[in-house]
Amino acid sequence: MSLYCREEIRVIGSGRTDAGVHATGQVAHFDSEKELTSSALTSLNAMLPRAITIESIEEVSADFHALFSAKRKCYSYHIYNGKNPGPFLRRYVTAIWDPIDFEKLKGASRLFVGEIDFAAFANVCKHRIGKSTVRHLFSIDIEQKGPLITLTFEGKGFLYKMVRNLTGGMLLVATGKMTLDELKMILEGKKRTKAIPCADARGLFLRRVDYELAKTSREESILVPF
């Protein structure tokens, strides 16, 4: 942006994603004295590496903030229940060889819906030491299409690696490696433990950021080939 606008620009995103995590609905804002014309989108995308594409640009009010104005975020996690997802899916899913019990997976997901202290499912982040680990998770929807299972998480906000840790815990229950009661005890213990693995980054997507409670949000326009 600084190169295009020919001024010092600070771009602020709606949140950070870990290395290997994908985002099809990321939002960012910046302040500039330059008026962007209709050709800005094409020019900016020509400057960016192929791994990044700007889908749209719009003017917002002076008090808009990509991070602090967000009302809801939606993440999805994609699991391939089998040994070989193939070359087109491998970058975007986590392959789980063990059979997944769909009903146990749904049962585990219900533990996490509501306003809950998720300290046991958040990796330590030096920028958030001493801050609240309570978050409001609105829903976890689970969909299965053949060997592909998609977990969709919607919440007000998420802690560092929270979605990947929740997925790791749910998969332990769904594959018979942990009971639902054991998972509940870990949640209520409010302490991060190595018993809960962090699911692989490649299966996680930031899908959507809502800036109003009604879903009139910045929505993804291009899907990966699922």
C-alpha atoms as a PDB file:
ATOM      1  CA  MET A   1       0.000   0.000   0.000  1.00  0.00           C
ATOM      2  CA  SER A   2       2.820   2.399   0.817  1.00  0.00           C
ATOM      3  CA  LEU A   3       4.329   1.845  -2.627  1.00  0.00           C
ATOM      4  CA  TYR A   4       1.006   2.393  -4.412  1.00  0.00           C
ATOM      5  CA  CYS A   5      -0.132   5.387  -2.332  1.00  0.00           C
ATOM      6  CA  ARG A   6       3.373   6.898  -2.138  1.00  0.00           C
ATOM      7  CA  GLU A   7       3.000   7.578   1.560  1.00  0.00           C
ATOM      8  CA  GLU A   8       3.642   5.680   4.773  1.00  0.00           C
ATOM      9  CA  ILE A   9       0.715   3.266   5.195  1.00  0.00           C
ATOM     10  CA  ARG A  10      -0.064   1.006   8.138  1.00  0.00           C
ATOM     11  CA  VAL A  11      -2.388  -1.869   7.203  1.00  0.00           C
ATOM     12  CA  ILE A  12      -4.387  -3.305  10.126  1.00  0.00           C
ATOM     13  CA  GLY A  13      -6.051  -6.697   9.717  1.00  0.00           C
ATOM     14  CA  SER A  14      -9.083  -8.179  11.432  1.00  0.00           C
ATOM     15  CA  GLY A  15      -6.795 -10.679  13.143  1.00  0.00           C
ATOM     16  CA  ARG A  16      -3.672 -12.749  12.739  1.00  0.00           C
ATOM     17  CA  THR A  17      -3.481 -16.224  11.234  1.00  0.00           C
ATOM     18  CA  ASP A  18      -0.759 -18.751  12.022  1.00  0.00           C
ATOM     19  CA  ALA A  19       1.729 -19.899   9.401  1.00  0.00           C
ATOM     20  CA  GLY A  20      -0.012 -22.409   7.147  1.00  0.00           C
ATOM     21  CA  VAL A  21      -3.542 -21.180   7.945  1.00  0.00           C
ATOM     22  CA  HIS A  22      -5.640 -19.903   5.038  1.00  0.00           C
ATOM     23  CA  ALA A  23      -7.958 -16.884   4.859  1.00  0.00           C
ATOM     24  CA  THR A  24     -10.654 -16.396   2.236  1.00  0.00           C
ATOM     25  CA  GLY A  25     -12.474 -13.699   4.211  1.00  0.00           C
ATOM     26  CA  GLN A  26      -9.728 -11.553   5.742  1.00  0.00           C
ATOM     27  CA  VAL A  27     -10.458  -7.827   6.167  1.00  0.00           C
ATOM     28  CA  ALA A  28      -7.987  -4.990   6.655  1.00  0.00           C
ATOM     29  CA  HIS A  29      -8.167  -1.215   6.858  1.00  0.00           C
ATOM     30  CA  PHE A  30      -5.732   1.659   6.337  1.00  0.00           C
ATOM     31  CA  ASP A  31      -5.766   5.460   6.320  1.00  0.00           C
ATOM     32  CA  SER A  32      -4.574   7.378   3.267  1.00  0.00           C
ATOM     33  CA  GLU A  33      -4.741  10.828   1.747  1.00  0.00           C
ATOM     34  CA  LYS A  34      -4.854   9.280  -1.724  1.00  0.00           C
ATOM     35  CA  GLU A  35      -8.213   8.813  -3.425  1.00  0.00           C
ATOM     36  CA  LEU A  36      -8.335   5.299  -4.853  1.00  0.00           C
ATOM     37  CA  THR A  37      -9.698   5.026  -8.389  1.00  0.00           C
ATOM     38  CA  SER A  38     -11.391   2.042 -10.038  1.00  0.00           C
ATOM     39  CA  SER A  39      -7.992   0.869 -11.328  1.00  0.00           C
ATOM     40  CA  ALA A  40      -6.549   0.538  -7.799  1.00  0.00           C
ATOM     41  CA  LEU A  41      -7.668  -3.061  -7.339  1.00  0.00           C
ATOM     42  CA  THR A  42      -5.943  -4.246 -10.513  1.00  0.00           C
ATOM     43  CA  SER A  43      -2.774  -2.295  -9.763  1.00  0.00           C
ATOM     44  CA  LEU A  44      -2.515  -3.495  -6.170  1.00  0.00           C
ATOM     45  CA  ASN A  45      -3.049  -7.146  -7.096  1.00  0.00           C
ATOM     46  CA  ALA A  46      -0.318  -6.835  -9.724  1.00  0.00           C
ATOM     47  CA  MET A  47       2.082  -5.774  -6.945  1.00  0.00           C
ATOM     48  CA  LEU A  48       1.187  -8.586  -4.568  1.00  0.00           C
ATOM     49  CA  PRO A  49       2.622 -12.114  -4.442  1.00  0.00           C
ATOM     50  CA  ARG A  50       0.403 -14.825  -5.952  1.00  0.00           C
ATOM     51  CA  ALA A  51      -0.566 -16.138  -2.510  1.00  0.00           C
ATOM     52  CA  ILE A  52      -2.475 -12.891  -1.769  1.00  0.00           C
ATOM     53  CA  THR A  53      -5.410 -11.353  -3.640  1.00  0.00           C
ATOM     54  CA  ILE A  54      -7.468  -8.279  -2.767  1.00  0.00           C
ATOM     55  CA  GLU A  55     -11.116  -9.023  -3.602  1.00  0.00           C
ATOM     56  CA  SER A  56     -12.573  -5.547  -3.070  1.00  0.00           C
ATOM     57  CA  ILE A  57     -11.825  -2.051  -1.771  1.00  0.00           C
ATOM     58  CA  GLU A  58     -14.359   0.296  -0.240  1.00  0.00           C
ATOM     59  CA  GLU A  59     -14.383   3.533   1.712  1.00  0.00           C
ATOM     60  CA  VAL A  60     -15.477   3.272   5.349  1.00  0.00           C
ATOM     61  CA  SER A  61     -16.163   5.710   8.167  1.00  0.00           C
ATOM     62  CA  ALA A  62     -13.265   7.227  10.093  1.00  0.00           C
ATOM     63  CA  ASP A  63     -14.137   5.224  13.216  1.00  0.00           C
ATOM     64  CA  PHE A  64     -14.072   1.828  11.461  1.00  0.00           C
ATOM     65  CA  HIS A  65     -11.410  -0.583  12.720  1.00  0.00           C
ATOM     66  CA  ALA A  66     -10.852  -3.959  11.039  1.00  0.00           C
ATOM     67  CA  LEU A  67     -10.115  -5.651  14.379  1.00  0.00           C
ATOM     68  CA  PHE A  68     -12.080  -3.783  17.032  1.00  0.00           C
ATOM     69  CA  SER A  69     -15.245  -3.166  14.973  1.00  0.00           C
ATOM     70  CA  ALA A  70     -15.736  -6.880  14.265  1.00  0.00           C
ATOM     71  CA  LYS A  71     -18.904  -8.383  15.789  1.00  0.00           C
ATOM     72  CA  ARG A  72     -18.438 -11.992  14.733  1.00  0.00           C
ATOM     73  CA  LYS A  73     -15.853 -14.200  13.051  1.00  0.00           C
ATOM     74  CA  CYS A  74     -16.306 -17.469  11.240  1.00  0.00           C
ATOM     75  CA  TYR A  75     -13.617 -20.134  10.875  1.00  0.00           C
ATOM     76  CA  SER A  76     -13.874 -23.515   9.201  1.00  0.00           C
ATOM     77  CA  TYR A  77     -11.701 -26.565   9.733  1.00  0.00           C
ATOM     78  CA  HIS A  78     -11.538 -29.283   7.079  1.00  0.00           C
ATOM     79  CA  ILE A  79     -10.801 -32.929   7.850  1.00  0.00           C
ATOM     80  CA  TYR A  80     -10.321 -35.759   5.377  1.00  0.00           C
ATOM     81  CA  ASN A  81     -11.224 -39.032   7.091  1.00  0.00           C
ATOM     82  CA  GLY A  82      -8.958 -41.337   5.114  1.00  0.00           C
ATOM     83  CA  LYS A  83      -5.350 -41.957   4.143  1.00  0.00           C
ATOM     84  CA  ASN A  84      -5.018 -40.098   0.861  1.00  0.00           C
ATOM     85  CA  PRO A  85      -6.849 -36.817   0.191  1.00  0.00           C
ATOM     86  CA  GLY A  86      -5.127 -36.475  -3.177  1.00  0.00           C
ATOM     87  CA  PRO A  87      -2.964 -33.654  -4.575  1.00  0.00           C
ATOM     88  CA  PHE A  88      -5.741 -31.054  -4.900  1.00  0.00           C
ATOM     89  CA  LEU A  89      -6.959 -31.269  -1.284  1.00  0.00           C
ATOM     90  CA  ARG A  90      -3.734 -32.067   0.550  1.00  0.00           C
ATOM     91  CA  ARG A  91      -2.838 -28.409   1.178  1.00  0.00           C
ATOM     92  CA  TYR A  92      -6.263 -27.607   2.616  1.00  0.00           C
ATOM     93  CA  VAL A  93      -7.241 -30.537   4.856  1.00  0.00           C
ATOM     94  CA  THR A  94      -5.941 -32.620   7.717  1.00  0.00           C
ATOM     95  CA  ALA A  95      -6.033 -36.355   6.973  1.00  0.00           C
ATOM     96  CA  ILE A  96      -7.240 -38.496   9.902  1.00  0.00           C
ATOM     97  CA  TRP A  97      -6.751 -42.227   9.318  1.00  0.00           C
ATOM     98  CA  ASP A  98      -8.729 -43.475  12.323  1.00  0.00           C
ATOM     99  CA  PRO A  99     -12.510 -43.836  11.869  1.00  0.00           C
ATOM    100  CA  ILE A 100     -14.363 -40.746  13.148  1.00  0.00           C
ATOM    101  CA  ASP A 101     -17.571 -41.261  15.129  1.00  0.00           C
ATOM    102  CA  PHE A 102     -19.789 -38.440  13.829  1.00  0.00           C
ATOM    103  CA  GLU A 103     -22.135 -38.506  16.837  1.00  0.00           C
ATOM    104  CA  LYS A 104     -19.230 -38.343  19.293  1.00  0.00           C
ATOM    105  CA  LEU A 105     -17.799 -35.444  17.304  1.00  0.00           C
ATOM    106  CA  LYS A 106     -21.090 -33.554  17.618  1.00  0.00           C
ATOM    107  CA  GLY A 107     -21.305 -34.381  21.317  1.00  0.00           C
ATOM    108  CA  ALA A 108     -17.833 -32.953  21.926  1.00  0.00           C
ATOM    109  CA  SER A 109     -18.688 -29.779  19.997  1.00  0.00           C
ATOM    110  CA  ARG A 110     -21.615 -29.035  22.319  1.00  0.00           C
ATOM    111  CA  LEU A 111     -19.208 -28.636  25.259  1.00  0.00           C
ATOM    112  CA  PHE A 112     -17.769 -25.512  23.705  1.00  0.00           C
ATOM    113  CA  VAL A 113     -20.862 -23.493  22.731  1.00  0.00           C
ATOM    114  CA  GLY A 114     -21.571 -20.512  24.964  1.00  0.00           C
ATOM    115  CA  GLU A 115     -19.620 -17.952  26.988  1.00  0.00           C
ATOM    116  CA  ILE A 116     -16.809 -20.071  28.408  1.00  0.00           C
ATOM    117  CA  ASP A 117     -13.287 -19.751  29.801  1.00  0.00           C
ATOM    118  CA  PHE A 118     -11.179 -21.383  27.072  1.00  0.00           C
ATOM    119  CA  ALA A 119      -7.836 -21.113  28.908  1.00  0.00           C
ATOM    120  CA  ALA A 120      -7.252 -24.878  28.457  1.00  0.00           C
ATOM    121  CA  PHE A 121      -7.545 -24.486  24.677  1.00  0.00           C
ATOM    122  CA  ALA A 122      -5.397 -21.392  24.135  1.00  0.00           C
ATOM    123  CA  ASN A 123      -1.661 -21.435  23.499  1.00  0.00           C
ATOM    124  CA  VAL A 124       0.331 -18.927  25.524  1.00  0.00           C
ATOM    125  CA  CYS A 125       0.733 -15.606  23.701  1.00  0.00           C
ATOM    126  CA  LYS A 126       3.077 -13.040  25.251  1.00  0.00           C
ATOM    127  CA  HIS A 127       0.869 -10.189  24.034  1.00  0.00           C
ATOM    128  CA  ARG A 128      -2.134 -11.504  26.003  1.00  0.00           C
ATOM    129  CA  ILE A 129      -0.588 -12.593  29.316  1.00  0.00           C
ATOM    130  CA  GLY A 130      -2.913 -11.606  32.155  1.00  0.00           C
ATOM    131  CA  LYS A 131      -5.869 -10.907  29.841  1.00  0.00           C
ATOM    132  CA  SER A 132      -9.228 -12.671  29.889  1.00  0.00           C
ATOM    133  CA  THR A 133      -9.506 -16.086  28.274  1.00  0.00           C
ATOM    134  CA  VAL A 134     -13.323 -16.020  28.280  1.00  0.00           C
ATOM    135  CA  ARG A 135     -14.855 -16.050  24.817  1.00  0.00           C
ATOM    136  CA  HIS A 136     -18.400 -16.419  23.467  1.00  0.00           C
ATOM    137  CA  LEU A 137     -18.675 -19.182  20.886  1.00  0.00           C
ATOM    138  CA  PHE A 138     -22.053 -18.869  19.156  1.00  0.00           C
ATOM    139  CA  SER A 139     -22.064 -22.179  17.320  1.00  0.00           C
ATOM    140  CA  ILE A 140     -20.086 -25.123  15.976  1.00  0.00           C
ATOM    141  CA  ASP A 141     -21.711 -26.667  12.914  1.00  0.00           C
ATOM    142  CA  ILE A 142     -20.516 -29.998  11.543  1.00  0.00           C
ATOM    143  CA  GLU A 143     -21.094 -31.211   7.985  1.00  0.00           C
ATOM    144  CA  GLN A 144     -19.988 -34.433   6.353  1.00  0.00           C
ATOM    145  CA  LYS A 145     -19.741 -35.096   2.616  1.00  0.00           C
ATOM    146  CA  GLY A 146     -18.219 -38.486   1.988  1.00  0.00           C
ATOM    147  CA  PRO A 147     -14.769 -38.540   3.603  1.00  0.00           C
ATOM    148  CA  LEU A 148     -14.692 -34.730   4.044  1.00  0.00           C
ATOM    149  CA  ILE A 149     -15.816 -33.322   7.401  1.00  0.00           C
ATOM    150  CA  THR A 150     -16.133 -29.559   7.884  1.00  0.00           C
ATOM    151  CA  LEU A 151     -16.305 -27.913  11.312  1.00  0.00           C
ATOM    152  CA  THR A 152     -17.597 -24.323  11.238  1.00  0.00           C
ATOM    153  CA  PHE A 153     -16.931 -22.135  14.279  1.00  0.00           C
ATOM    154  CA  GLU A 154     -18.700 -18.790  14.805  1.00  0.00           C
ATOM    155  CA  GLY A 155     -17.859 -16.529  17.722  1.00  0.00           C
ATOM    156  CA  LYS A 156     -17.288 -13.006  18.931  1.00  0.00           C
ATOM    157  CA  GLY A 157     -13.532 -13.597  19.008  1.00  0.00           C
ATOM    158  CA  PHE A 158     -10.965 -16.354  19.361  1.00  0.00           C
ATOM    159  CA  LEU A 159      -7.825 -16.925  21.411  1.00  0.00           C
ATOM    160  CA  TYR A 160      -4.420 -17.844  19.996  1.00  0.00           C
ATOM    161  CA  LYS A 161      -4.714 -21.263  18.266  1.00  0.00           C
ATOM    162  CA  MET A 162      -8.090 -21.783  19.972  1.00  0.00           C
ATOM    163  CA  VAL A 163      -9.901 -23.260  16.950  1.00  0.00           C
ATOM    164  CA  ARG A 164      -7.053 -25.685  16.224  1.00  0.00           C
ATOM    165  CA  ASN A 165      -6.937 -26.791  19.871  1.00  0.00           C
ATOM    166  CA  LEU A 166     -10.716 -27.236  20.062  1.00  0.00           C
ATOM    167  CA  THR A 167     -10.552 -29.317  16.889  1.00  0.00           C
ATOM    168  CA  GLY A 168      -7.740 -31.423  18.366  1.00  0.00           C
ATOM    169  CA  GLY A 169      -9.796 -32.137  21.494  1.00  0.00           C
ATOM    170  CA  MET A 170     -12.952 -32.969  19.557  1.00  0.00           C
ATOM    171  CA  LEU A 171     -11.042 -35.389  17.336  1.00  0.00           C
ATOM    172  CA  LEU A 172      -9.642 -37.219  20.371  1.00  0.00           C
ATOM    173  CA  VAL A 173     -13.195 -37.935  21.500  1.00  0.00           C
ATOM    174  CA  ALA A 174     -14.437 -38.746  17.996  1.00  0.00           C
ATOM    175  CA  THR A 175     -11.652 -41.308  17.446  1.00  0.00           C
ATOM    176  CA  GLY A 176     -12.060 -42.958  20.855  1.00  0.00           C
ATOM    177  CA  LYS A 177      -8.778 -41.697  22.340  1.00  0.00           C
ATOM    178  CA  MET A 178     -10.488 -39.624  25.051  1.00  0.00           C
ATOM    179  CA  THR A 179     -13.899 -39.707  26.712  1.00  0.00           C
ATOM    180  CA  LEU A 180     -16.307 -36.801  26.698  1.00  0.00           C
ATOM    181  CA  ASP A 181     -16.003 -36.565  30.490  1.00  0.00           C
ATOM    182  CA  GLU A 182     -12.203 -36.320  30.229  1.00  0.00           C
ATOM    183  CA  LEU A 183     -12.515 -33.522  27.681  1.00  0.00           C
ATOM    184  CA  LYS A 184     -14.982 -31.715  29.953  1.00  0.00           C
ATOM    185  CA  MET A 185     -12.568 -32.019  32.909  1.00  0.00           C
ATOM    186  CA  ILE A 186      -9.796 -30.434  30.849  1.00  0.00           C
ATOM    187  CA  LEU A 187     -12.082 -27.560  29.840  1.00  0.00           C
ATOM    188  CA  GLU A 188     -13.106 -26.969  33.461  1.00  0.00           C
ATOM    189  CA  GLY A 189      -9.456 -27.200  34.603  1.00  0.00           C
ATOM    190  CA  LYS A 190      -8.693 -23.955  32.693  1.00  0.00           C
ATOM    191  CA  LYS A 191      -5.070 -24.912  32.127  1.00  0.00           C
ATOM    192  CA  ARG A 192      -3.382 -25.635  28.810  1.00  0.00           C
ATOM    193  CA  THR A 193      -2.223 -29.239  28.668  1.00  0.00           C
ATOM    194  CA  LYS A 194      -0.228 -31.360  26.215  1.00  0.00           C
ATOM    195  CA  ALA A 195      -3.065 -33.896  26.361  1.00  0.00           C
ATOM    196  CA  ILE A 196      -4.875 -31.763  23.777  1.00  0.00           C
ATOM    197  CA  PRO A 197      -2.996 -31.665  20.440  1.00  0.00           C
ATOM    198  CA  CYS A 198      -3.114 -28.590  18.231  1.00  0.00           C
ATOM    199  CA  ALA A 199      -4.662 -29.621  14.915  1.00  0.00           C
ATOM    200  CA  ASP A 200      -2.580 -29.003  11.808  1.00  0.00           C
ATOM    201  CA  ALA A 201      -2.679 -25.455  10.428  1.00  0.00           C
ATOM    202  CA  ARG A 202      -3.403 -26.492   6.842  1.00  0.00           C
ATOM    203  CA  GLY A 203      -7.036 -27.432   7.583  1.00  0.00           C
ATOM    204  CA  LEU A 204      -8.019 -24.046   9.027  1.00  0.00           C
ATOM    205  CA  PHE A 205      -9.638 -21.145   7.139  1.00  0.00           C
ATOM    206  CA  LEU A 206     -10.769 -17.699   8.248  1.00  0.00           C
ATOM    207  CA  ARG A 207     -14.007 -17.615   6.285  1.00  0.00           C
ATOM    208  CA  ARG A 208     -15.828 -14.445   7.248  1.00  0.00           C
ATOM    209  CA  VAL A 209     -15.740 -11.346   9.428  1.00  0.00           C
ATOM    210  CA  ASP A 210     -19.047  -9.667  10.318  1.00  0.00           C
ATOM    211  CA  TYR A 211     -19.218  -5.989  11.222  1.00  0.00           C
ATOM    212  CA  GLU A 212     -22.919  -6.017  11.998  1.00  0.00           C
ATOM    213  CA  LEU A 213     -24.817  -8.604  14.020  1.00  0.00           C
ATOM    214  CA  ALA A 214     -26.930  -9.316  10.960  1.00  0.00           C
ATOM    215  CA  LYS A 215     -24.782 -11.168   8.442  1.00  0.00           C
ATOM    216  CA  THR A 216     -24.091  -8.328   6.013  1.00  0.00           C
ATOM    217  CA  SER A 217     -20.374  -9.025   6.176  1.00  0.00           C
ATOM    218  CA  ARG A 218     -17.320  -9.278   3.993  1.00  0.00           C
ATOM    219  CA  GLU A 219     -17.858 -12.747   2.569  1.00  0.00           C
ATOM    220  CA  GLU A 220     -15.511 -15.007   0.692  1.00  0.00           C
ATOM    221  CA  SER A 221     -16.048 -15.054  -3.068  1.00  0.00           C
ATOM    222  CA  ILE A 222     -13.728 -17.852  -4.113  1.00  0.00           C
ATOM    223  CA  LEU A 223     -13.739 -21.313  -2.559  1.00  0.00           C
ATOM    224  CA  VAL A 224     -10.970 -23.860  -2.495  1.00  0.00           C
ATOM    225  CA  PRO A 225     -11.841 -27.026  -4.480  1.00  0.00           C
ATOM    226  CA  PHE A 226     -13.769 -29.091  -1.920  1.00  0.00           C
END
